[in-house]
Amino acid sequence: MRSSPTATSMEVVSMATLTPAYGRDYKSQAEVEADFRAGKDFILNDFMSQWDGKPCSIRDFPAGTQITLRYKKKSNVIIVTI
């Protein structure tokens, strides 16, 4: 069982940056957004958070949160709102 943030613990987050988990990478913003919305795991990148470096997914954030997803070897970004 993984230890990840839950919607209640992430309620104060209004914006987050995530990178693909488990060695995945994406070549297009359509691919990364589709997997994020499908509930695949991503890694939270926020050194001010107790959850930095931990896996999380769309289920862990409340509606209205803006998420920055990094892809293409972390060189490109897309911002999505849940």
N, C-alpha and C. Protein backbone atom coordinates (compact mmCIF):
# COMPACT_ATOMS: atom_id res chain seq x y z
N MET A 1 0.84 -1.17 0.00
CA MET A 1 0.00 0.00 0.00
C MET A 1 0.89 1.24 0.00
N ARG A 2 0.59 2.18 -0.85
CA ARG A 2 1.41 3.38 -0.92
C ARG A 2 0.90 4.42 0.06
N SER A 3 1.80 5.23 0.52
CA SER A 3 1.42 6.34 1.38
C SER A 3 1.42 7.59 0.52
N SER A 4 0.24 8.10 0.25
CA SER A 4 0.14 9.29 -0.60
C SER A 4 -0.82 10.28 0.00
N PRO A 5 -0.76 11.51 -0.48
CA PRO A 5 -1.68 12.50 0.04
C PRO A 5 -3.11 12.15 -0.30
N THR A 6 -4.01 12.58 0.52
CA THR A 6 -5.43 12.39 0.25
C THR A 6 -6.07 13.74 -0.02
N ALA A 7 -7.28 13.73 -0.52
CA ALA A 7 -7.97 14.98 -0.83
C ALA A 7 -8.03 15.88 0.40
N THR A 8 -8.25 15.28 1.57
CA THR A 8 -8.35 16.11 2.77
C THR A 8 -7.00 16.71 3.15
N SER A 9 -5.91 15.99 2.94
CA SER A 9 -4.60 16.54 3.30
C SER A 9 -4.10 17.53 2.26
N MET A 10 -4.65 17.48 1.05
CA MET A 10 -4.19 18.36 -0.01
C MET A 10 -5.11 19.56 -0.22
N GLU A 11 -6.11 19.75 0.64
CA GLU A 11 -7.09 20.80 0.41
C GLU A 11 -6.48 22.19 0.40
N VAL A 12 -5.37 22.40 1.06
CA VAL A 12 -4.74 23.72 1.07
C VAL A 12 -3.95 23.99 -0.20
N VAL A 13 -3.72 22.97 -0.99
CA VAL A 13 -2.96 23.12 -2.22
C VAL A 13 -3.86 23.68 -3.31
N SER A 14 -3.46 24.80 -3.91
CA SER A 14 -4.24 25.34 -5.02
C SER A 14 -3.48 25.18 -6.33
N MET A 15 -2.19 24.82 -6.22
CA MET A 15 -1.37 24.62 -7.41
C MET A 15 -0.27 23.61 -7.07
N ALA A 16 0.03 22.72 -8.01
CA ALA A 16 1.06 21.71 -7.76
C ALA A 16 1.78 21.37 -9.06
N THR A 17 3.04 20.95 -8.94
CA THR A 17 3.81 20.50 -10.09
C THR A 17 4.06 19.01 -9.94
N LEU A 18 3.73 18.26 -11.01
CA LEU A 18 3.88 16.81 -10.99
C LEU A 18 4.72 16.35 -12.17
N THR A 19 5.46 15.25 -11.96
CA THR A 19 6.21 14.59 -13.03
C THR A 19 5.75 13.14 -13.09
N PRO A 20 5.86 12.51 -14.24
CA PRO A 20 5.42 11.12 -14.37
C PRO A 20 6.18 10.19 -13.41
N ALA A 21 5.49 9.21 -12.88
CA ALA A 21 6.08 8.25 -11.94
C ALA A 21 6.55 7.00 -12.68
N TYR A 22 7.37 6.22 -11.99
CA TYR A 22 7.80 4.89 -12.43
C TYR A 22 8.52 4.91 -13.78
N GLY A 23 9.26 5.98 -14.06
CA GLY A 23 10.06 6.04 -15.28
C GLY A 23 9.30 6.38 -16.55
N ARG A 24 8.01 6.68 -16.42
CA ARG A 24 7.25 7.04 -17.62
C ARG A 24 7.67 8.42 -18.11
N ASP A 25 7.48 8.64 -19.40
CA ASP A 25 7.68 9.96 -20.00
C ASP A 25 6.69 10.07 -21.16
N TYR A 26 6.39 11.28 -21.55
CA TYR A 26 5.40 11.51 -22.60
C TYR A 26 5.98 12.43 -23.65
N LYS A 27 5.55 12.24 -24.89
CA LYS A 27 6.02 13.06 -26.00
C LYS A 27 5.08 14.20 -26.33
N SER A 28 3.82 14.11 -25.87
CA SER A 28 2.86 15.17 -26.19
C SER A 28 2.03 15.52 -24.96
N GLN A 29 1.50 16.74 -25.00
CA GLN A 29 0.66 17.16 -23.88
C GLN A 29 -0.64 16.38 -23.83
N ALA A 30 -1.13 15.93 -24.97
CA ALA A 30 -2.36 15.12 -24.99
C ALA A 30 -2.15 13.81 -24.24
N GLU A 31 -0.98 13.17 -24.42
CA GLU A 31 -0.69 11.91 -23.74
C GLU A 31 -0.60 12.09 -22.23
N VAL A 32 0.13 13.11 -21.79
CA VAL A 32 0.32 13.31 -20.35
C VAL A 32 -1.00 13.69 -19.68
N GLU A 33 -1.80 14.53 -20.33
CA GLU A 33 -3.08 14.92 -19.74
C GLU A 33 -4.04 13.73 -19.68
N ALA A 34 -4.05 12.91 -20.72
CA ALA A 34 -4.94 11.74 -20.74
C ALA A 34 -4.60 10.78 -19.60
N ASP A 35 -3.32 10.51 -19.38
CA ASP A 35 -2.94 9.60 -18.30
C ASP A 35 -3.21 10.21 -16.92
N PHE A 36 -2.98 11.52 -16.78
CA PHE A 36 -3.28 12.17 -15.51
C PHE A 36 -4.78 12.06 -15.21
N ARG A 37 -5.60 12.38 -16.17
CA ARG A 37 -7.06 12.32 -15.96
C ARG A 37 -7.56 10.89 -15.79
N ALA A 38 -6.80 9.91 -16.29
CA ALA A 38 -7.15 8.49 -16.12
C ALA A 38 -6.74 7.97 -14.74
N GLY A 39 -6.06 8.79 -13.94
CA GLY A 39 -5.71 8.38 -12.59
C GLY A 39 -4.36 7.74 -12.43
N LYS A 40 -3.49 7.83 -13.43
CA LYS A 40 -2.14 7.25 -13.29
C LYS A 40 -1.35 8.06 -12.26
N ASP A 41 -0.36 7.42 -11.66
CA ASP A 41 0.46 8.06 -10.63
C ASP A 41 1.46 9.02 -11.24
N PHE A 42 1.66 10.13 -10.53
CA PHE A 42 2.68 11.12 -10.83
C PHE A 42 3.39 11.44 -9.52
N ILE A 43 4.55 12.06 -9.60
CA ILE A 43 5.33 12.42 -8.42
C ILE A 43 5.14 13.90 -8.12
N LEU A 44 4.80 14.21 -6.87
CA LEU A 44 4.65 15.60 -6.45
C LEU A 44 6.03 16.23 -6.29
N ASN A 45 6.23 17.39 -6.88
CA ASN A 45 7.49 18.14 -6.79
C ASN A 45 7.24 19.46 -6.08
N ASP A 46 7.35 19.42 -4.76
CA ASP A 46 7.13 20.62 -3.95
C ASP A 46 7.94 20.46 -2.66
N PHE A 47 9.13 21.06 -2.63
CA PHE A 47 10.01 20.85 -1.49
C PHE A 47 9.44 21.42 -0.19
N MET A 48 8.42 22.25 -0.26
CA MET A 48 7.79 22.79 0.94
C MET A 48 6.69 21.87 1.49
N SER A 49 6.39 20.80 0.77
CA SER A 49 5.32 19.89 1.17
C SER A 49 5.90 18.64 1.82
N GLN A 50 5.17 18.12 2.79
CA GLN A 50 5.58 16.85 3.39
C GLN A 50 5.44 15.70 2.40
N TRP A 51 4.72 15.92 1.31
CA TRP A 51 4.48 14.89 0.31
C TRP A 51 5.44 14.97 -0.87
N ASP A 52 6.44 15.85 -0.80
CA ASP A 52 7.41 15.99 -1.90
C ASP A 52 8.04 14.64 -2.23
N GLY A 53 8.05 14.30 -3.52
CA GLY A 53 8.66 13.06 -3.97
C GLY A 53 7.76 11.84 -3.85
N LYS A 54 6.57 12.01 -3.36
CA LYS A 54 5.64 10.89 -3.19
C LYS A 54 4.70 10.77 -4.38
N PRO A 55 4.24 9.55 -4.67
CA PRO A 55 3.27 9.37 -5.75
C PRO A 55 1.90 9.93 -5.38
N CYS A 56 1.22 10.46 -6.38
CA CYS A 56 -0.13 10.97 -6.19
C CYS A 56 -0.85 10.88 -7.53
N SER A 57 -2.14 11.13 -7.52
CA SER A 57 -2.92 11.10 -8.77
C SER A 57 -4.02 12.15 -8.68
N ILE A 58 -4.81 12.23 -9.71
CA ILE A 58 -5.89 13.21 -9.77
C ILE A 58 -6.85 13.06 -8.59
N ARG A 59 -6.98 11.86 -8.07
CA ARG A 59 -7.90 11.60 -6.94
C ARG A 59 -7.44 12.29 -5.66
N ASP A 60 -6.19 12.69 -5.59
CA ASP A 60 -5.63 13.26 -4.37
C ASP A 60 -5.78 14.77 -4.27
N PHE A 61 -6.38 15.40 -5.25
CA PHE A 61 -6.52 16.86 -5.27
C PHE A 61 -7.98 17.26 -5.37
N PRO A 62 -8.36 18.33 -4.68
CA PRO A 62 -9.74 18.80 -4.77
C PRO A 62 -10.01 19.51 -6.10
N ALA A 63 -11.27 19.59 -6.47
CA ALA A 63 -11.66 20.31 -7.68
C ALA A 63 -11.18 21.75 -7.60
N GLY A 64 -10.76 22.29 -8.73
CA GLY A 64 -10.29 23.66 -8.81
C GLY A 64 -8.79 23.81 -8.67
N THR A 65 -8.09 22.72 -8.33
CA THR A 65 -6.63 22.79 -8.20
C THR A 65 -6.00 22.89 -9.58
N GLN A 66 -5.02 23.79 -9.71
CA GLN A 66 -4.26 23.88 -10.96
C GLN A 66 -3.03 22.99 -10.82
N ILE A 67 -2.84 22.14 -11.81
CA ILE A 67 -1.73 21.19 -11.80
C ILE A 67 -0.82 21.48 -12.99
N THR A 68 0.47 21.62 -12.72
CA THR A 68 1.47 21.73 -13.77
C THR A 68 2.06 20.35 -13.98
N LEU A 69 1.90 19.82 -15.18
CA LEU A 69 2.44 18.49 -15.52
C LEU A 69 3.66 18.67 -16.40
N ARG A 70 4.78 18.09 -15.98
CA ARG A 70 6.00 18.14 -16.78
C ARG A 70 6.09 16.87 -17.62
N TYR A 71 6.58 17.01 -18.85
CA TYR A 71 6.73 15.88 -19.76
C TYR A 71 7.86 16.17 -20.73
N LYS A 72 8.13 15.24 -21.63
CA LYS A 72 9.21 15.35 -22.61
C LYS A 72 10.54 15.61 -21.89
N LYS A 73 10.91 14.64 -21.05
CA LYS A 73 12.12 14.70 -20.23
C LYS A 73 12.13 15.94 -19.33
N LYS A 74 10.96 16.30 -18.83
CA LYS A 74 10.75 17.42 -17.91
C LYS A 74 11.03 18.78 -18.55
N SER A 75 11.12 18.85 -19.87
CA SER A 75 11.43 20.12 -20.54
C SER A 75 10.20 20.91 -20.95
N ASN A 76 9.05 20.27 -21.04
CA ASN A 76 7.80 20.94 -21.41
C ASN A 76 6.80 20.83 -20.27
N VAL A 77 5.85 21.77 -20.24
CA VAL A 77 4.82 21.73 -19.22
C VAL A 77 3.45 21.99 -19.82
N ILE A 78 2.44 21.48 -19.14
CA ILE A 78 1.05 21.78 -19.45
C ILE A 78 0.38 22.06 -18.12
N ILE A 79 -0.49 23.05 -18.09
CA ILE A 79 -1.23 23.36 -16.87
C ILE A 79 -2.68 22.94 -17.08
N VAL A 80 -3.16 22.11 -16.17
CA VAL A 80 -4.54 21.64 -16.23
C VAL A 80 -5.24 22.01 -14.92
N THR A 81 -6.53 22.21 -15.00
CA THR A 81 -7.33 22.48 -13.81
C THR A 81 -8.26 21.30 -13.61
N ILE A 82 -8.27 20.80 -12.40
CA ILE A 82 -9.11 19.64 -12.09
C ILE A 82 -10.55 20.10 -11.96
